[in-house]
Amino acid sequence: MIDTLSAYLLPAIIMLFILSGIFKNVNIFDEFIKGAEEGLKTQLKIVPSIVALVLAVEMFEASGALDVITWGLQPLANAINMPAEVVPMMILRPISGGGAIALLNKTLQTYGPISKIGLMSSVMCGSSETTFYTIAVYYGACGVKKTRHTVIAALAADAAAAILSVIIVNLLL
């Protein structure tokens, strides 16, 4: 039943938009072309931000900075009962979604999905955002240059997600 419904749902929604446009006497094809042009313009505006962010993430990982920061945060992690193996996820998730997913995959293969480390990493990855990528894309598209308060608030939310991930997994295990 669900498979049949999902197979017909998207075409039905598209048909609903087309019929709505016809009913409202809208030139659907011209509007589609305008939307595609705007999408390409937006994409061209955000490409420099994305390229800079990807380059910065690669340099961050290749330089060993992740390892140094992980080592420096170890006393804090110990204070909140966070295993050392989870600290890189806490650092990497706000910076790189792809890097965080790759790290999560490696963690799950190494420690297992039901282990304390695997569960904490999974919850942390799922409950936080790729902050810098999101800011680069959305603010780059709008031309916003001053991101100071957004970055502080978003990193505070990421820190809360990390701490609560540790607390919740520790309570459940």
N, C-alpha and C. Protein backbone atom coordinates (compact mmCIF):
# COMPACT_ATOMS: atom_id res chain seq x y z
N MET A 1 0.82 -1.20 0.00
CA MET A 1 0.00 0.00 0.00
C MET A 1 0.87 1.26 0.00
N ILE A 2 1.84 1.33 0.93
CA ILE A 2 2.72 2.51 1.01
C ILE A 2 3.52 2.66 -0.27
N ASP A 3 4.04 1.56 -0.83
CA ASP A 3 4.82 1.62 -2.06
C ASP A 3 3.99 2.18 -3.20
N THR A 4 2.75 1.74 -3.30
CA THR A 4 1.86 2.22 -4.36
C THR A 4 1.57 3.70 -4.17
N LEU A 5 1.28 4.09 -2.93
CA LEU A 5 0.99 5.49 -2.63
C LEU A 5 2.18 6.38 -2.96
N SER A 6 3.38 5.97 -2.54
CA SER A 6 4.57 6.79 -2.79
C SER A 6 4.90 6.86 -4.27
N ALA A 7 4.58 5.83 -5.03
CA ALA A 7 4.85 5.84 -6.47
C ALA A 7 3.98 6.86 -7.19
N TYR A 8 2.79 7.10 -6.69
CA TYR A 8 1.85 8.02 -7.36
C TYR A 8 1.79 9.40 -6.72
N LEU A 9 2.35 9.57 -5.55
CA LEU A 9 2.22 10.82 -4.83
C LEU A 9 2.95 11.98 -5.53
N LEU A 10 4.21 11.81 -5.89
CA LEU A 10 4.96 12.89 -6.54
C LEU A 10 4.34 13.29 -7.87
N PRO A 11 4.02 12.34 -8.76
CA PRO A 11 3.35 12.75 -10.00
C PRO A 11 2.02 13.46 -9.73
N ALA A 12 1.31 13.06 -8.70
CA ALA A 12 0.03 13.71 -8.37
C ALA A 12 0.26 15.15 -7.92
N ILE A 13 1.30 15.38 -7.14
CA ILE A 13 1.61 16.74 -6.69
C ILE A 13 2.01 17.61 -7.87
N ILE A 14 2.82 17.08 -8.76
CA ILE A 14 3.22 17.83 -9.96
C ILE A 14 1.99 18.16 -10.80
N MET A 15 1.13 17.20 -10.97
CA MET A 15 -0.09 17.42 -11.75
C MET A 15 -0.97 18.48 -11.08
N LEU A 16 -1.01 18.48 -9.75
CA LEU A 16 -1.77 19.47 -9.01
C LEU A 16 -1.24 20.88 -9.28
N PHE A 17 0.09 21.04 -9.30
CA PHE A 17 0.68 22.34 -9.62
C PHE A 17 0.34 22.77 -11.04
N ILE A 18 0.43 21.85 -11.98
CA ILE A 18 0.12 22.17 -13.38
C ILE A 18 -1.35 22.57 -13.53
N LEU A 19 -2.24 21.80 -12.93
CA LEU A 19 -3.66 22.13 -13.01
C LEU A 19 -3.98 23.46 -12.33
N SER A 20 -3.30 23.73 -11.21
CA SER A 20 -3.49 25.00 -10.52
C SER A 20 -3.03 26.16 -11.40
N GLY A 21 -1.91 25.99 -12.10
CA GLY A 21 -1.43 27.02 -13.01
C GLY A 21 -2.37 27.24 -14.18
N ILE A 22 -2.90 26.17 -14.72
CA ILE A 22 -3.85 26.27 -15.82
C ILE A 22 -5.13 26.98 -15.35
N PHE A 23 -5.60 26.59 -14.17
CA PHE A 23 -6.81 27.18 -13.61
C PHE A 23 -6.64 28.68 -13.38
N LYS A 24 -5.43 29.10 -12.94
CA LYS A 24 -5.16 30.52 -12.68
C LYS A 24 -4.65 31.26 -13.91
N ASN A 25 -4.64 30.58 -15.06
CA ASN A 25 -4.23 31.17 -16.33
C ASN A 25 -2.78 31.67 -16.30
N VAL A 26 -1.90 30.83 -15.79
CA VAL A 26 -0.48 31.12 -15.69
C VAL A 26 0.26 30.35 -16.79
N ASN A 27 1.21 31.02 -17.45
CA ASN A 27 2.03 30.33 -18.45
C ASN A 27 3.07 29.50 -17.68
N ILE A 28 2.79 28.24 -17.51
CA ILE A 28 3.56 27.35 -16.65
C ILE A 28 5.00 27.20 -17.14
N PHE A 29 5.19 27.02 -18.43
CA PHE A 29 6.53 26.81 -18.96
C PHE A 29 7.40 28.04 -18.76
N ASP A 30 6.85 29.24 -19.02
CA ASP A 30 7.64 30.46 -18.82
C ASP A 30 8.02 30.65 -17.36
N GLU A 31 7.10 30.35 -16.46
CA GLU A 31 7.39 30.46 -15.03
C GLU A 31 8.45 29.45 -14.60
N PHE A 32 8.39 28.25 -15.18
CA PHE A 32 9.40 27.24 -14.88
C PHE A 32 10.78 27.72 -15.34
N ILE A 33 10.86 28.30 -16.53
CA ILE A 33 12.14 28.81 -17.05
C ILE A 33 12.66 29.95 -16.17
N LYS A 34 11.78 30.84 -15.74
CA LYS A 34 12.20 31.93 -14.84
C LYS A 34 12.77 31.37 -13.53
N GLY A 35 12.10 30.38 -12.99
CA GLY A 35 12.58 29.76 -11.75
C GLY A 35 13.93 29.09 -11.93
N ALA A 36 14.10 28.41 -13.06
CA ALA A 36 15.38 27.76 -13.35
C ALA A 36 16.49 28.80 -13.48
N GLU A 37 16.21 29.92 -14.13
CA GLU A 37 17.21 31.00 -14.27
C GLU A 37 17.60 31.56 -12.90
N GLU A 38 16.61 31.79 -12.05
CA GLU A 38 16.90 32.30 -10.71
C GLU A 38 17.73 31.29 -9.91
N GLY A 39 17.42 30.01 -10.06
CA GLY A 39 18.19 28.97 -9.38
C GLY A 39 19.64 28.96 -9.81
N LEU A 40 19.87 29.11 -11.11
CA LEU A 40 21.25 29.15 -11.61
C LEU A 40 21.98 30.39 -11.12
N LYS A 41 21.30 31.53 -11.10
CA LYS A 41 21.93 32.75 -10.59
C LYS A 41 22.31 32.59 -9.12
N THR A 42 21.42 32.01 -8.34
CA THR A 42 21.70 31.78 -6.93
C THR A 42 22.88 30.83 -6.77
N GLN A 43 22.90 29.79 -7.57
CA GLN A 43 24.00 28.82 -7.50
C GLN A 43 25.33 29.50 -7.81
N LEU A 44 25.36 30.36 -8.82
CA LEU A 44 26.59 31.06 -9.15
C LEU A 44 27.03 32.00 -8.03
N LYS A 45 26.07 32.57 -7.30
CA LYS A 45 26.42 33.46 -6.19
C LYS A 45 27.04 32.71 -5.02
N ILE A 46 26.62 31.46 -4.79
CA ILE A 46 27.10 30.75 -3.60
C ILE A 46 28.30 29.85 -3.87
N VAL A 47 28.64 29.62 -5.13
CA VAL A 47 29.78 28.74 -5.44
C VAL A 47 31.07 29.20 -4.78
N PRO A 48 31.44 30.49 -4.82
CA PRO A 48 32.69 30.89 -4.15
C PRO A 48 32.70 30.56 -2.66
N SER A 49 31.57 30.75 -1.98
CA SER A 49 31.51 30.43 -0.55
C SER A 49 31.70 28.94 -0.31
N ILE A 50 31.09 28.12 -1.13
CA ILE A 50 31.20 26.67 -0.96
C ILE A 50 32.62 26.20 -1.25
N VAL A 51 33.23 26.73 -2.31
CA VAL A 51 34.61 26.35 -2.65
C VAL A 51 35.55 26.73 -1.51
N ALA A 52 35.39 27.94 -0.97
CA ALA A 52 36.25 28.37 0.14
C ALA A 52 36.05 27.49 1.37
N LEU A 53 34.81 27.12 1.65
CA LEU A 53 34.53 26.29 2.81
C LEU A 53 35.10 24.89 2.65
N VAL A 54 34.93 24.30 1.48
CA VAL A 54 35.47 22.95 1.23
C VAL A 54 37.00 22.97 1.34
N LEU A 55 37.62 23.99 0.80
CA LEU A 55 39.08 24.11 0.89
C LEU A 55 39.52 24.25 2.34
N ALA A 56 38.81 25.08 3.11
CA ALA A 56 39.17 25.27 4.52
C ALA A 56 39.02 23.97 5.31
N VAL A 57 37.96 23.22 5.04
CA VAL A 57 37.75 21.95 5.75
C VAL A 57 38.85 20.96 5.42
N GLU A 58 39.20 20.86 4.15
CA GLU A 58 40.27 19.95 3.76
C GLU A 58 41.60 20.34 4.40
N MET A 59 41.89 21.63 4.43
CA MET A 59 43.13 22.09 5.07
C MET A 59 43.09 21.81 6.57
N PHE A 60 41.94 21.99 7.20
CA PHE A 60 41.77 21.74 8.64
C PHE A 60 42.07 20.28 8.96
N GLU A 61 41.51 19.37 8.17
CA GLU A 61 41.71 17.94 8.42
C GLU A 61 43.14 17.52 8.09
N ALA A 62 43.68 17.99 6.96
CA ALA A 62 45.01 17.57 6.52
C ALA A 62 46.12 18.13 7.41
N SER A 63 45.88 19.28 8.02
CA SER A 63 46.93 19.92 8.82
C SER A 63 47.15 19.25 10.17
N GLY A 64 46.21 18.43 10.59
CA GLY A 64 46.31 17.82 11.91
C GLY A 64 45.67 18.67 13.00
N ALA A 65 45.04 19.77 12.60
CA ALA A 65 44.39 20.65 13.57
C ALA A 65 43.28 19.93 14.32
N LEU A 66 42.57 19.03 13.64
CA LEU A 66 41.51 18.27 14.30
C LEU A 66 42.09 17.46 15.46
N ASP A 67 43.23 16.82 15.24
CA ASP A 67 43.86 16.03 16.30
C ASP A 67 44.32 16.91 17.47
N VAL A 68 44.87 18.08 17.16
CA VAL A 68 45.33 18.99 18.22
C VAL A 68 44.16 19.50 19.05
N ILE A 69 43.07 19.88 18.37
CA ILE A 69 41.90 20.38 19.10
C ILE A 69 41.27 19.27 19.92
N THR A 70 41.23 18.06 19.36
CA THR A 70 40.70 16.90 20.09
C THR A 70 41.49 16.68 21.37
N TRP A 71 42.81 16.72 21.27
CA TRP A 71 43.67 16.55 22.44
C TRP A 71 43.42 17.66 23.45
N GLY A 72 43.26 18.91 22.99
CA GLY A 72 43.03 20.03 23.90
C GLY A 72 41.69 19.97 24.61
N LEU A 73 40.70 19.39 23.96
CA LEU A 73 39.36 19.30 24.56
C LEU A 73 39.15 18.06 25.42
N GLN A 74 40.16 17.23 25.51
CA GLN A 74 40.03 15.99 26.27
C GLN A 74 39.65 16.19 27.73
N PRO A 75 40.23 17.15 28.44
CA PRO A 75 39.81 17.35 29.84
C PRO A 75 38.33 17.74 29.97
N LEU A 76 37.85 18.57 29.05
CA LEU A 76 36.43 18.95 29.07
C LEU A 76 35.55 17.74 28.77
N ALA A 77 35.97 16.93 27.80
CA ALA A 77 35.21 15.73 27.45
C ALA A 77 35.15 14.77 28.64
N ASN A 78 36.26 14.61 29.33
CA ASN A 78 36.28 13.74 30.51
C ASN A 78 35.35 14.26 31.59
N ALA A 79 35.26 15.59 31.72
CA ALA A 79 34.42 16.19 32.76
C ALA A 79 32.93 15.91 32.51
N ILE A 80 32.53 15.80 31.25
CA ILE A 80 31.11 15.53 30.97
C ILE A 80 30.86 14.07 30.61
N ASN A 81 31.86 13.23 30.82
CA ASN A 81 31.74 11.78 30.58
C ASN A 81 31.58 11.44 29.10
N MET A 82 32.28 12.20 28.25
CA MET A 82 32.28 11.93 26.82
C MET A 82 33.53 11.13 26.46
N PRO A 83 33.36 9.97 25.82
CA PRO A 83 34.53 9.20 25.41
C PRO A 83 35.40 9.99 24.43
N ALA A 84 36.70 9.78 24.51
CA ALA A 84 37.63 10.51 23.64
C ALA A 84 37.33 10.29 22.17
N GLU A 85 36.79 9.14 21.82
CA GLU A 85 36.53 8.81 20.42
C GLU A 85 35.37 9.62 19.83
N VAL A 86 34.57 10.27 20.68
CA VAL A 86 33.42 11.05 20.21
C VAL A 86 33.80 12.52 19.99
N VAL A 87 34.88 12.97 20.59
CA VAL A 87 35.29 14.37 20.50
C VAL A 87 35.48 14.83 19.05
N PRO A 88 36.12 14.04 18.17
CA PRO A 88 36.24 14.51 16.78
C PRO A 88 34.88 14.77 16.11
N MET A 89 33.85 14.01 16.45
CA MET A 89 32.52 14.26 15.89
C MET A 89 32.00 15.61 16.35
N MET A 90 32.21 15.92 17.63
CA MET A 90 31.75 17.19 18.18
C MET A 90 32.42 18.36 17.45
N ILE A 91 33.67 18.20 17.08
CA ILE A 91 34.41 19.26 16.41
C ILE A 91 34.06 19.33 14.92
N LEU A 92 33.98 18.18 14.27
CA LEU A 92 33.84 18.14 12.82
C LEU A 92 32.43 18.42 12.33
N ARG A 93 31.42 18.04 13.08
CA ARG A 93 30.03 18.17 12.61
C ARG A 93 29.66 19.60 12.23
N PRO A 94 29.99 20.63 13.01
CA PRO A 94 29.63 21.98 12.59
C PRO A 94 30.40 22.46 11.36
N ILE A 95 31.50 21.80 11.04
CA ILE A 95 32.34 22.25 9.95
C ILE A 95 32.03 21.53 8.64
N SER A 96 31.87 20.22 8.70
CA SER A 96 31.73 19.44 7.47
C SER A 96 30.72 18.31 7.64
N GLY A 97 29.63 18.37 6.91
CA GLY A 97 28.63 17.31 6.97
C GLY A 97 29.16 16.01 6.39
N GLY A 98 29.81 16.11 5.24
CA GLY A 98 30.39 14.92 4.61
C GLY A 98 31.47 14.29 5.47
N GLY A 99 32.32 15.14 6.05
CA GLY A 99 33.37 14.64 6.93
C GLY A 99 32.78 13.99 8.17
N ALA A 100 31.70 14.57 8.71
CA ALA A 100 31.06 14.00 9.90
C ALA A 100 30.42 12.65 9.58
N ILE A 101 29.80 12.54 8.42
CA ILE A 101 29.18 11.26 8.03
C ILE A 101 30.26 10.20 7.83
N ALA A 102 31.36 10.58 7.19
CA ALA A 102 32.46 9.63 7.00
C ALA A 102 33.03 9.20 8.35
N LEU A 103 33.18 10.14 9.26
CA LEU A 103 33.68 9.83 10.61
C LEU A 103 32.68 8.92 11.34
N LEU A 104 31.40 9.20 11.21
CA LEU A 104 30.37 8.37 11.84
C LEU A 104 30.43 6.95 11.29
N ASN A 105 30.57 6.83 9.99
CA ASN A 105 30.66 5.50 9.37
C ASN A 105 31.86 4.73 9.92
N LYS A 106 32.99 5.39 10.01
CA LYS A 106 34.20 4.76 10.54
C LYS A 106 34.01 4.37 12.01
N THR A 107 33.39 5.26 12.78
CA THR A 107 33.14 4.99 14.20
C THR A 107 32.22 3.78 14.37
N LEU A 108 31.15 3.73 13.56
CA LEU A 108 30.21 2.62 13.67
C LEU A 108 30.85 1.30 13.25
N GLN A 109 31.72 1.34 12.25
CA GLN A 109 32.42 0.12 11.84
C GLN A 109 33.40 -0.33 12.92
N THR A 110 34.03 0.62 13.58
CA THR A 110 35.04 0.28 14.59
C THR A 110 34.40 -0.18 15.90
N TYR A 111 33.40 0.56 16.39
CA TYR A 111 32.86 0.29 17.73
C TYR A 111 31.47 -0.36 17.72
N GLY A 112 30.81 -0.33 16.57
CA GLY A 112 29.47 -0.92 16.47
C GLY A 112 28.39 0.11 16.74
N PRO A 113 27.22 -0.08 16.14
CA PRO A 113 26.14 0.90 16.29
C PRO A 113 25.46 0.88 17.65
N ILE A 114 25.63 -0.18 18.42
CA ILE A 114 24.96 -0.26 19.71
C ILE A 114 25.91 0.08 20.86
N SER A 115 27.16 0.37 20.55
CA SER A 115 28.11 0.75 21.60
C SER A 115 27.83 2.17 22.08
N LYS A 116 28.35 2.49 23.24
CA LYS A 116 28.19 3.84 23.79
C LYS A 116 28.77 4.88 22.83
N ILE A 117 29.94 4.60 22.28
CA ILE A 117 30.60 5.52 21.35
C ILE A 117 29.79 5.66 20.07
N GLY A 118 29.30 4.53 19.54
CA GLY A 118 28.49 4.56 18.32
C GLY A 118 27.19 5.32 18.51
N LEU A 119 26.52 5.08 19.64
CA LEU A 119 25.25 5.77 19.91
C LEU A 119 25.46 7.27 20.12
N MET A 120 26.49 7.64 20.89
CA MET A 120 26.75 9.06 21.11
C MET A 120 27.08 9.77 19.82
N SER A 121 27.91 9.15 19.00
CA SER A 121 28.26 9.76 17.72
C SER A 121 27.04 9.89 16.81
N SER A 122 26.19 8.88 16.81
CA SER A 122 24.98 8.92 15.98
C SER A 122 24.03 10.01 16.42
N VAL A 123 23.78 10.08 17.72
CA VAL A 123 22.86 11.09 18.24
C VAL A 123 23.43 12.49 17.99
N MET A 124 24.72 12.66 18.22
CA MET A 124 25.35 13.95 18.00
C MET A 124 25.28 14.37 16.55
N CYS A 125 25.55 13.44 15.66
CA CYS A 125 25.51 13.73 14.23
C CYS A 125 24.10 14.07 13.78
N GLY A 126 23.12 13.38 14.32
CA GLY A 126 21.74 13.61 13.91
C GLY A 126 21.08 14.81 14.54
N SER A 127 21.62 15.29 15.64
CA SER A 127 20.95 16.38 16.35
C SER A 127 21.66 17.72 16.20
N SER A 128 22.68 17.78 15.38
CA SER A 128 23.39 19.05 15.19
C SER A 128 23.41 19.39 13.71
N GLU A 129 23.88 20.57 13.40
CA GLU A 129 23.84 21.09 12.04
C GLU A 129 25.25 21.32 11.52
N THR A 130 25.38 21.30 10.22
CA THR A 130 26.64 21.67 9.58
C THR A 130 26.65 23.20 9.50
N THR A 131 26.95 23.81 10.61
CA THR A 131 26.78 25.24 10.82
C THR A 131 27.47 26.10 9.78
N PHE A 132 28.75 25.89 9.58
CA PHE A 132 29.49 26.79 8.69
C PHE A 132 29.07 26.63 7.24
N TYR A 133 28.75 25.42 6.82
CA TYR A 133 28.26 25.20 5.46
C TYR A 133 26.92 25.89 5.28
N THR A 134 26.02 25.74 6.23
CA THR A 134 24.70 26.34 6.13
C THR A 134 24.80 27.86 6.08
N ILE A 135 25.63 28.43 6.92
CA ILE A 135 25.81 29.88 6.92
C ILE A 135 26.41 30.33 5.60
N ALA A 136 27.41 29.61 5.11
CA ALA A 136 28.04 29.98 3.85
C ALA A 136 27.04 29.95 2.69
N VAL A 137 26.22 28.93 2.64
CA VAL A 137 25.27 28.79 1.53
C VAL A 137 24.17 29.84 1.62
N TYR A 138 23.49 29.91 2.76
CA TYR A 138 22.34 30.81 2.86
C TYR A 138 22.76 32.27 2.89
N TYR A 139 23.77 32.60 3.65
CA TYR A 139 24.20 33.99 3.69
C TYR A 139 24.89 34.38 2.39
N GLY A 140 25.60 33.43 1.77
CA GLY A 140 26.21 33.71 0.47
C GLY A 140 25.16 34.00 -0.58
N ALA A 141 24.05 33.30 -0.55
CA ALA A 141 22.97 33.51 -1.51
C ALA A 141 22.31 34.87 -1.33
N CYS A 142 22.27 35.34 -0.09
CA CYS A 142 21.61 36.62 0.20
C CYS A 142 22.59 37.78 0.22
N GLY A 143 23.88 37.49 0.17
CA GLY A 143 24.88 38.55 0.21
C GLY A 143 25.14 39.10 1.60
N VAL A 144 24.78 38.36 2.64
CA VAL A 144 25.00 38.82 4.01
C VAL A 144 26.47 38.60 4.36
N LYS A 145 27.11 39.65 4.88
CA LYS A 145 28.53 39.56 5.22
C LYS A 145 28.78 39.43 6.72
N LYS A 146 27.92 40.02 7.55
CA LYS A 146 28.12 40.00 8.99
C LYS A 146 27.37 38.83 9.59
N THR A 147 28.13 37.84 10.05
CA THR A 147 27.52 36.60 10.56
C THR A 147 27.84 36.35 12.02
N ARG A 148 28.41 37.32 12.68
CA ARG A 148 28.92 37.13 14.03
C ARG A 148 27.89 36.52 14.99
N HIS A 149 26.73 37.12 15.11
CA HIS A 149 25.73 36.64 16.07
C HIS A 149 25.17 35.28 15.65
N THR A 150 25.03 35.07 14.35
CA THR A 150 24.54 33.79 13.87
C THR A 150 25.51 32.68 14.22
N VAL A 151 26.79 32.91 13.99
CA VAL A 151 27.81 31.90 14.27
C VAL A 151 27.82 31.56 15.76
N ILE A 152 27.77 32.57 16.60
CA ILE A 152 27.79 32.33 18.05
C ILE A 152 26.57 31.53 18.48
N ALA A 153 25.40 31.92 18.01
CA ALA A 153 24.17 31.21 18.38
C ALA A 153 24.18 29.78 17.84
N ALA A 154 24.61 29.61 16.60
CA ALA A 154 24.62 28.27 16.01
C ALA A 154 25.63 27.36 16.70
N LEU A 155 26.79 27.88 17.03
CA LEU A 155 27.78 27.06 17.75
C LEU A 155 27.32 26.73 19.16
N ALA A 156 26.57 27.65 19.78
CA ALA A 156 26.00 27.35 21.10
C ALA A 156 24.99 26.21 20.98
N ALA A 157 24.20 26.22 19.92
CA ALA A 157 23.24 25.12 19.69
C ALA A 157 23.97 23.81 19.42
N ASP A 158 25.07 23.86 18.66
CA ASP A 158 25.85 22.65 18.41
C ASP A 158 26.47 22.11 19.70
N ALA A 159 26.95 23.02 20.56
CA ALA A 159 27.51 22.60 21.85
C ALA A 159 26.43 21.97 22.72
N ALA A 160 25.23 22.56 22.71
CA ALA A 160 24.12 21.99 23.47
C ALA A 160 23.76 20.60 22.95
N ALA A 161 23.77 20.44 21.63
CA ALA A 161 23.47 19.13 21.03
C ALA A 161 24.51 18.10 21.45
N ALA A 162 25.78 18.50 21.47
CA ALA A 162 26.84 17.57 21.87
C ALA A 162 26.69 17.17 23.33
N ILE A 163 26.48 18.14 24.20
CA ILE A 163 26.35 17.85 25.63
C ILE A 163 25.12 17.00 25.91
N LEU A 164 24.00 17.36 25.29
CA LEU A 164 22.77 16.58 25.50
C LEU A 164 22.87 15.18 24.91
N SER A 165 23.62 15.03 23.84
CA SER A 165 23.85 13.68 23.28
C SER A 165 24.55 12.80 24.30
N VAL A 166 25.55 13.36 24.94
CA VAL A 166 26.29 12.61 25.96
C VAL A 166 25.37 12.27 27.15
N ILE A 167 24.62 13.27 27.61
CA ILE A 167 23.74 13.06 28.77
C ILE A 167 22.68 12.00 28.46
N ILE A 168 22.02 12.13 27.32
CA ILE A 168 20.94 11.21 26.98
C ILE A 168 21.44 9.77 26.80
N VAL A 169 22.54 9.62 26.07
CA VAL A 169 23.06 8.27 25.86
C VAL A 169 23.53 7.67 27.18
N ASN A 170 24.17 8.48 28.02
CA ASN A 170 24.59 7.97 29.34
C ASN A 170 23.40 7.58 30.20
N LEU A 171 22.30 8.30 30.09
CA LEU A 171 21.11 7.97 30.86
C LEU A 171 20.45 6.68 30.35
N LEU A 172 20.50 6.46 29.06
CA LEU A 172 19.85 5.30 28.48
C LEU A 172 20.67 4.02 28.57
N LEU A 173 21.96 4.15 28.74
CA LEU A 173 22.80 2.94 28.85
C LEU A 173 23.10 2.57 30.27
